Amino acid sequence: MPSRGDRLTIVVAHRLSTIERANRIVYLDQGRIVETGSHDELMAKPYGVYKRFVDLQVGTSAA
Protein backbone atom coordinates (compact mmCIF):
# COMPACT_ATOMS: atom_id res chain seq x y z
CA MET A 1 0.00 0.00 0.00
CA PRO A 2 1.18 3.56 -0.50
CA SER A 3 2.98 5.14 2.44
CA ARG A 4 0.61 6.61 5.02
CA GLY A 5 3.30 8.41 7.03
CA ASP A 6 2.68 8.13 10.75
CA ARG A 7 -0.86 6.83 10.33
CA LEU A 8 -2.30 3.41 10.95
CA THR A 9 -4.79 2.26 8.35
CA ILE A 10 -6.92 -0.80 9.01
CA VAL A 11 -8.54 -2.45 6.02
CA VAL A 12 -11.06 -5.25 6.36
CA ALA A 13 -11.21 -7.08 3.05
CA HIS A 14 -11.92 -10.36 1.37
CA ARG A 15 -10.54 -9.45 -2.05
CA LEU A 16 -7.04 -10.80 -2.52
CA SER A 17 -5.96 -7.85 -4.67
CA THR A 18 -6.60 -5.54 -1.70
CA ILE A 19 -5.05 -7.80 0.92
CA GLU A 20 -1.80 -8.79 -0.78
CA ARG A 21 -0.57 -5.16 -1.01
CA ALA A 22 -0.74 -4.60 2.76
CA ASN A 23 2.45 -4.22 4.82
CA ARG A 24 1.08 -6.54 7.49
CA ILE A 25 -1.78 -9.00 7.24
CA VAL A 26 -3.60 -10.21 10.33
CA TYR A 27 -5.60 -13.35 9.54
CA LEU A 28 -8.53 -13.93 11.89
CA ASP A 29 -10.46 -17.15 12.44
CA GLN A 30 -13.60 -16.93 14.59
CA GLY A 31 -12.37 -13.66 16.09
CA ARG A 32 -8.89 -14.93 16.97
CA ILE A 33 -5.60 -13.96 15.37
CA VAL A 34 -4.13 -17.11 13.83
CA GLU A 35 -1.41 -15.66 11.55
CA THR A 36 0.32 -12.35 10.91
CA GLY A 37 2.89 -11.24 8.39
CA SER A 38 3.32 -9.92 4.88
CA HIS A 39 1.72 -11.68 1.92
CA ASP A 40 5.06 -13.27 0.99
CA GLU A 41 5.77 -14.40 4.56
CA LEU A 42 2.35 -15.99 4.93
CA MET A 43 2.50 -17.65 1.50
CA ALA A 44 5.81 -19.26 2.50
CA LYS A 45 4.01 -21.31 5.18
CA PRO A 46 3.06 -24.54 3.36
CA TYR A 47 0.15 -25.36 5.69
CA GLY A 48 -0.83 -21.84 6.71
CA VAL A 49 -4.47 -20.81 6.82
CA TYR A 50 -3.77 -17.63 4.83
CA LYS A 51 -2.08 -19.67 2.09
CA ARG A 52 -5.10 -21.97 2.00
CA PHE A 53 -7.38 -18.93 1.66
CA VAL A 54 -5.29 -17.56 -1.22
CA ASP A 55 -5.16 -20.96 -2.94
CA LEU A 56 -8.95 -21.21 -2.73
CA GLN A 57 -9.35 -17.68 -4.10
CA VAL A 58 -7.14 -18.29 -7.13
CA GLY A 59 -8.25 -21.88 -7.69
CA THR A 60 -4.92 -23.61 -7.02
CA SER A 61 -5.99 -25.59 -3.96
CA ALA A 62 -5.70 -29.35 -4.10
CA ALA A 63 -8.29 -29.67 -1.30
PDB file of N, CA and C in Angstrom:
ATOM      1  N   MET A   1       0.842  -1.174   0.000  1.00  0.00           N
ATOM      2  CA  MET A   1       0.000   0.000   0.000  1.00  0.00           C
ATOM      3  C   MET A   1       0.887   1.235   0.000  1.00  0.00           C
ATOM      4  N   PRO A   2       0.395   2.324  -0.530  1.00  0.00           N
ATOM      5  CA  PRO A   2       1.179   3.562  -0.502  1.00  0.00           C
ATOM      6  C   PRO A   2       1.478   3.987   0.929  1.00  0.00           C
ATOM      7  N   SER A   3       2.578   4.690   1.111  1.00  0.00           N
ATOM      8  CA  SER A   3       2.977   5.144   2.438  1.00  0.00           C
ATOM      9  C   SER A   3       1.904   6.038   3.042  1.00  0.00           C
ATOM     10  N   ARG A   4       1.603   5.816   4.303  1.00  0.00           N
ATOM     11  CA  ARG A   4       0.613   6.611   5.021  1.00  0.00           C
ATOM     12  C   ARG A   4       1.285   7.476   6.084  1.00  0.00           C
ATOM     13  N   GLY A   5       2.603   7.597   6.039  1.00  0.00           N
ATOM     14  CA  GLY A   5       3.297   8.413   7.028  1.00  0.00           C
ATOM     15  C   GLY A   5       3.205   7.788   8.407  1.00  0.00           C
ATOM     16  N   ASP A   6       2.790   8.588   9.367  1.00  0.00           N
ATOM     17  CA  ASP A   6       2.677   8.127  10.745  1.00  0.00           C
ATOM     18  C   ASP A   6       1.291   7.612  11.080  1.00  0.00           C
ATOM     19  N   ARG A   7       0.511   7.275  10.097  1.00  0.00           N
ATOM     20  CA  ARG A   7      -0.859   6.826  10.326  1.00  0.00           C
ATOM     21  C   ARG A   7      -0.972   5.309  10.280  1.00  0.00           C
ATOM     22  N   LEU A   8      -1.927   4.819  10.993  1.00  0.00           N
ATOM     23  CA  LEU A   8      -2.299   3.409  10.950  1.00  0.00           C
ATOM     24  C   LEU A   8      -3.587   3.312  10.152  1.00  0.00           C
ATOM     25  N   THR A   9      -3.591   2.470   9.148  1.00  0.00           N
ATOM     26  CA  THR A   9      -4.785   2.257   8.351  1.00  0.00           C
ATOM     27  C   THR A   9      -5.189   0.805   8.483  1.00  0.00           C
ATOM     28  N   ILE A  10      -6.413   0.560   8.881  1.00  0.00           N
ATOM     29  CA  ILE A  10      -6.921  -0.800   9.013  1.00  0.00           C
ATOM     30  C   ILE A  10      -7.913  -1.038   7.890  1.00  0.00           C
ATOM     31  N   VAL A  11      -7.676  -2.100   7.140  1.00  0.00           N
ATOM     32  CA  VAL A  11      -8.544  -2.451   6.023  1.00  0.00           C
ATOM     33  C   VAL A  11      -9.109  -3.836   6.296  1.00  0.00           C
ATOM     34  N   VAL A  12     -10.412  -3.952   6.252  1.00  0.00           N
ATOM     35  CA  VAL A  12     -11.063  -5.254   6.364  1.00  0.00           C
ATOM     36  C   VAL A  12     -11.488  -5.623   4.949  1.00  0.00           C
ATOM     37  N   ALA A  13     -10.959  -6.744   4.449  1.00  0.00           N
ATOM     38  CA  ALA A  13     -11.211  -7.078   3.052  1.00  0.00           C
ATOM     39  C   ALA A  13     -11.240  -8.580   2.844  1.00  0.00           C
ATOM     40  N   HIS A  14     -11.924  -8.969   1.800  1.00  0.00           N
ATOM     41  CA  HIS A  14     -11.924 -10.364   1.369  1.00  0.00           C
ATOM     42  C   HIS A  14     -11.270 -10.507   0.002  1.00  0.00           C
ATOM     43  N   ARG A  15     -11.138  -9.402  -0.725  1.00  0.00           N
ATOM     44  CA  ARG A  15     -10.541  -9.446  -2.053  1.00  0.00           C
ATOM     45  C   ARG A  15      -9.034  -9.549  -1.949  1.00  0.00           C
ATOM     46  N   LEU A  16      -8.477 -10.552  -2.584  1.00  0.00           N
ATOM     47  CA  LEU A  16      -7.043 -10.802  -2.522  1.00  0.00           C
ATOM     48  C   LEU A  16      -6.240  -9.626  -3.055  1.00  0.00           C
ATOM     49  N   SER A  17      -6.707  -8.963  -4.095  1.00  0.00           N
ATOM     50  CA  SER A  17      -5.960  -7.845  -4.674  1.00  0.00           C
ATOM     51  C   SER A  17      -5.778  -6.711  -3.663  1.00  0.00           C
ATOM     52  N   THR A  18      -6.714  -6.553  -2.757  1.00  0.00           N
ATOM     53  CA  THR A  18      -6.603  -5.539  -1.704  1.00  0.00           C
ATOM     54  C   THR A  18      -5.668  -6.011  -0.606  1.00  0.00           C
ATOM     55  N   ILE A  19      -5.801  -7.246  -0.212  1.00  0.00           N
ATOM     56  CA  ILE A  19      -5.052  -7.796   0.923  1.00  0.00           C
ATOM     57  C   ILE A  19      -3.569  -7.928   0.637  1.00  0.00           C
ATOM     58  N   GLU A  20      -3.202  -8.435  -0.529  1.00  0.00           N
ATOM     59  CA  GLU A  20      -1.803  -8.785  -0.784  1.00  0.00           C
ATOM     60  C   GLU A  20      -0.877  -7.570  -0.845  1.00  0.00           C
ATOM     61  N   ARG A  21      -1.402  -6.361  -0.974  1.00  0.00           N
ATOM     62  CA  ARG A  21      -0.567  -5.159  -1.011  1.00  0.00           C
ATOM     63  C   ARG A  21      -0.278  -4.592   0.380  1.00  0.00           C
ATOM     64  N   ALA A  22      -0.903  -5.133   1.403  1.00  0.00           N
ATOM     65  CA  ALA A  22      -0.738  -4.597   2.765  1.00  0.00           C
ATOM     66  C   ALA A  22       0.656  -4.893   3.310  1.00  0.00           C
ATOM     67  N   ASN A  23       1.155  -4.000   4.163  1.00  0.00           N
ATOM     68  CA  ASN A  23       2.449  -4.220   4.821  1.00  0.00           C
ATOM     69  C   ASN A  23       2.376  -5.383   5.804  1.00  0.00           C
ATOM     70  N   ARG A  24       1.273  -5.463   6.532  1.00  0.00           N
ATOM     71  CA  ARG A  24       1.082  -6.541   7.491  1.00  0.00           C
ATOM     72  C   ARG A  24      -0.347  -7.039   7.372  1.00  0.00           C
ATOM     73  N   ILE A  25      -0.478  -8.349   7.308  1.00  0.00           N
ATOM     74  CA  ILE A  25      -1.781  -8.998   7.236  1.00  0.00           C
ATOM     75  C   ILE A  25      -2.017  -9.692   8.559  1.00  0.00           C
ATOM     76  N   VAL A  26      -3.196  -9.516   9.117  1.00  0.00           N
ATOM     77  CA  VAL A  26      -3.595 -10.213  10.333  1.00  0.00           C
ATOM     78  C   VAL A  26      -4.769 -11.095   9.939  1.00  0.00           C
ATOM     79  N   TYR A  27      -4.569 -12.405   9.955  1.00  0.00           N
ATOM     80  CA  TYR A  27      -5.604 -13.348   9.539  1.00  0.00           C
ATOM     81  C   TYR A  27      -6.367 -13.803  10.774  1.00  0.00           C
ATOM     82  N   LEU A  28      -7.665 -13.579  10.758  1.00  0.00           N
ATOM     83  CA  LEU A  28      -8.526 -13.931  11.885  1.00  0.00           C
ATOM     84  C   LEU A  28      -9.345 -15.176  11.559  1.00  0.00           C
ATOM     85  N   ASP A  29      -9.569 -16.000  12.557  1.00  0.00           N
ATOM     86  CA  ASP A  29     -10.465 -17.146  12.438  1.00  0.00           C
ATOM     87  C   ASP A  29     -11.337 -17.161  13.682  1.00  0.00           C
ATOM     88  N   GLN A  30     -12.626 -16.980  13.503  1.00  0.00           N
ATOM     89  CA  GLN A  30     -13.599 -16.928  14.589  1.00  0.00           C
ATOM     90  C   GLN A  30     -13.186 -15.921  15.658  1.00  0.00           C
ATOM     91  N   GLY A  31     -12.721 -14.738  15.196  1.00  0.00           N
ATOM     92  CA  GLY A  31     -12.373 -13.659  16.090  1.00  0.00           C
ATOM     93  C   GLY A  31     -11.013 -13.751  16.739  1.00  0.00           C
ATOM     94  N   ARG A  32     -10.229 -14.756  16.383  1.00  0.00           N
ATOM     95  CA  ARG A  32      -8.892 -14.927  16.974  1.00  0.00           C
ATOM     96  C   ARG A  32      -7.819 -14.761  15.907  1.00  0.00           C
ATOM     97  N   ILE A  33      -6.735 -14.120  16.285  1.00  0.00           N
ATOM     98  CA  ILE A  33      -5.603 -13.962  15.371  1.00  0.00           C
ATOM     99  C   ILE A  33      -4.898 -15.307  15.250  1.00  0.00           C
ATOM    100  N   VAL A  34      -4.803 -15.822  14.033  1.00  0.00           N
ATOM    101  CA  VAL A  34      -4.134 -17.108  13.831  1.00  0.00           C
ATOM    102  C   VAL A  34      -2.823 -16.979  13.057  1.00  0.00           C
ATOM    103  N   GLU A  35      -2.660 -15.904  12.273  1.00  0.00           N
ATOM    104  CA  GLU A  35      -1.408 -15.664  11.550  1.00  0.00           C
ATOM    105  C   GLU A  35      -1.241 -14.177  11.301  1.00  0.00           C
ATOM    106  N   THR A  36       0.009 -13.730  11.303  1.00  0.00           N
ATOM    107  CA  THR A  36       0.321 -12.354  10.914  1.00  0.00           C
ATOM    108  C   THR A  36       1.592 -12.364  10.087  1.00  0.00           C
ATOM    109  N   GLY A  37       1.695 -11.389   9.210  1.00  0.00           N
ATOM    110  CA  GLY A  37       2.893 -11.243   8.387  1.00  0.00           C
ATOM    111  C   GLY A  37       2.554 -10.582   7.071  1.00  0.00           C
ATOM    112  N   SER A  38       3.554 -10.451   6.220  1.00  0.00           N
ATOM    113  CA  SER A  38       3.318  -9.923   4.882  1.00  0.00           C
ATOM    114  C   SER A  38       2.732 -11.039   4.013  1.00  0.00           C
ATOM    115  N   HIS A  39       2.255 -10.680   2.843  1.00  0.00           N
ATOM    116  CA  HIS A  39       1.716 -11.677   1.916  1.00  0.00           C
ATOM    117  C   HIS A  39       2.771 -12.746   1.627  1.00  0.00           C
ATOM    118  N   ASP A  40       3.990 -12.311   1.315  1.00  0.00           N
ATOM    119  CA  ASP A  40       5.060 -13.268   0.993  1.00  0.00           C
ATOM    120  C   ASP A  40       5.408 -14.171   2.172  1.00  0.00           C
ATOM    121  N   GLU A  41       5.471 -13.596   3.371  1.00  0.00           N
ATOM    122  CA  GLU A  41       5.769 -14.402   4.562  1.00  0.00           C
ATOM    123  C   GLU A  41       4.694 -15.457   4.803  1.00  0.00           C
ATOM    124  N   LEU A  42       3.441 -15.056   4.671  1.00  0.00           N
ATOM    125  CA  LEU A  42       2.348 -15.990   4.927  1.00  0.00           C
ATOM    126  C   LEU A  42       2.236 -17.046   3.825  1.00  0.00           C
ATOM    127  N   MET A  43       2.539 -16.674   2.596  1.00  0.00           N
ATOM    128  CA  MET A  43       2.499 -17.645   1.496  1.00  0.00           C
ATOM    129  C   MET A  43       3.625 -18.669   1.601  1.00  0.00           C
ATOM    130  N   ALA A  44       4.684 -18.343   2.327  1.00  0.00           N
ATOM    131  CA  ALA A  44       5.813 -19.262   2.496  1.00  0.00           C
ATOM    132  C   ALA A  44       5.504 -20.387   3.487  1.00  0.00           C
ATOM    133  N   LYS A  45       4.404 -20.271   4.226  1.00  0.00           N
ATOM    134  CA  LYS A  45       4.013 -21.312   5.184  1.00  0.00           C
ATOM    135  C   LYS A  45       3.191 -22.363   4.438  1.00  0.00           C
ATOM    136  N   PRO A  46       3.750 -23.557   4.203  1.00  0.00           N
ATOM    137  CA  PRO A  46       3.065 -24.540   3.356  1.00  0.00           C
ATOM    138  C   PRO A  46       1.683 -24.966   3.858  1.00  0.00           C
ATOM    139  N   TYR A  47       1.448 -24.944   5.154  1.00  0.00           N
ATOM    140  CA  TYR A  47       0.152 -25.362   5.695  1.00  0.00           C
ATOM    141  C   TYR A  47      -0.573 -24.229   6.401  1.00  0.00           C
ATOM    142  N   GLY A  48      -0.222 -22.997   6.067  1.00  0.00           N
ATOM    143  CA  GLY A  48      -0.833 -21.844   6.707  1.00  0.00           C
ATOM    144  C   GLY A  48      -2.273 -21.630   6.259  1.00  0.00           C
ATOM    145  N   VAL A  49      -3.067 -21.058   7.147  1.00  0.00           N
ATOM    146  CA  VAL A  49      -4.472 -20.809   6.818  1.00  0.00           C
ATOM    147  C   VAL A  49      -4.616 -19.684   5.799  1.00  0.00           C
ATOM    148  N   TYR A  50      -3.726 -18.691   5.836  1.00  0.00           N
ATOM    149  CA  TYR A  50      -3.769 -17.629   4.832  1.00  0.00           C
ATOM    150  C   TYR A  50      -3.450 -18.210   3.456  1.00  0.00           C
ATOM    151  N   LYS A  51      -2.433 -19.049   3.371  1.00  0.00           N
ATOM    152  CA  LYS A  51      -2.080 -19.673   2.089  1.00  0.00           C
ATOM    153  C   LYS A  51      -3.252 -20.491   1.554  1.00  0.00           C
ATOM    154  N   ARG A  52      -3.934 -21.187   2.425  1.00  0.00           N
ATOM    155  CA  ARG A  52      -5.102 -21.967   1.999  1.00  0.00           C
ATOM    156  C   ARG A  52      -6.190 -21.038   1.447  1.00  0.00           C
ATOM    157  N   PHE A  53      -6.421 -19.915   2.130  1.00  0.00           N
ATOM    158  CA  PHE A  53      -7.381 -18.930   1.665  1.00  0.00           C
ATOM    159  C   PHE A  53      -7.020 -18.426   0.267  1.00  0.00           C
ATOM    160  N   VAL A  54      -5.745 -18.075   0.090  1.00  0.00           N
ATOM    161  CA  VAL A  54      -5.287 -17.563  -1.216  1.00  0.00           C
ATOM    162  C   VAL A  54      -5.453 -18.644  -2.284  1.00  0.00           C
ATOM    163  N   ASP A  55      -5.037 -19.863  -1.978  1.00  0.00           N
ATOM    164  CA  ASP A  55      -5.159 -20.964  -2.942  1.00  0.00           C
ATOM    165  C   ASP A  55      -6.624 -21.178  -3.355  1.00  0.00           C
ATOM    166  N   LEU A  56      -7.523 -21.074  -2.399  1.00  0.00           N
ATOM    167  CA  LEU A  56      -8.953 -21.212  -2.730  1.00  0.00           C
ATOM    168  C   LEU A  56      -9.428 -20.057  -3.596  1.00  0.00           C
ATOM    169  N   GLN A  57      -8.937 -18.852  -3.334  1.00  0.00           N
ATOM    170  CA  GLN A  57      -9.346 -17.676  -4.103  1.00  0.00           C
ATOM    171  C   GLN A  57      -8.899 -17.744  -5.561  1.00  0.00           C
ATOM    172  N   VAL A  58      -7.686 -18.259  -5.763  1.00  0.00           N
ATOM    173  CA  VAL A  58      -7.142 -18.295  -7.135  1.00  0.00           C
ATOM    174  C   VAL A  58      -7.320 -19.646  -7.805  1.00  0.00           C
ATOM    175  N   GLY A  59      -7.935 -20.576  -7.092  1.00  0.00           N
ATOM    176  CA  GLY A  59      -8.248 -21.875  -7.692  1.00  0.00           C
ATOM    177  C   GLY A  59      -7.086 -22.832  -7.831  1.00  0.00           C
ATOM    178  N   THR A  60      -6.069 -22.704  -6.955  1.00  0.00           N
ATOM    179  CA  THR A  60      -4.924 -23.611  -7.025  1.00  0.00           C
ATOM    180  C   THR A  60      -4.906 -24.634  -5.901  1.00  0.00           C
ATOM    181  N   SER A  61      -5.948 -24.678  -5.102  1.00  0.00           N
ATOM    182  CA  SER A  61      -5.988 -25.592  -3.964  1.00  0.00           C
ATOM    183  C   SER A  61      -6.234 -27.023  -4.424  1.00  0.00           C
ATOM    184  N   ALA A  62      -5.513 -27.944  -3.808  1.00  0.00           N
ATOM    185  CA  ALA A  62      -5.702 -29.354  -4.103  1.00  0.00           C
ATOM    186  C   ALA A  62      -6.802 -29.955  -3.226  1.00  0.00           C
ATOM    187  N   ALA A  63      -7.265 -29.177  -2.238  1.00  0.00           N
ATOM    188  CA  ALA A  63      -8.290 -29.674  -1.300  1.00  0.00           C
ATOM    189  C   ALA A  63      -9.661 -29.649  -1.899  1.00  0.00           C
TER     190      ALA A  63
END
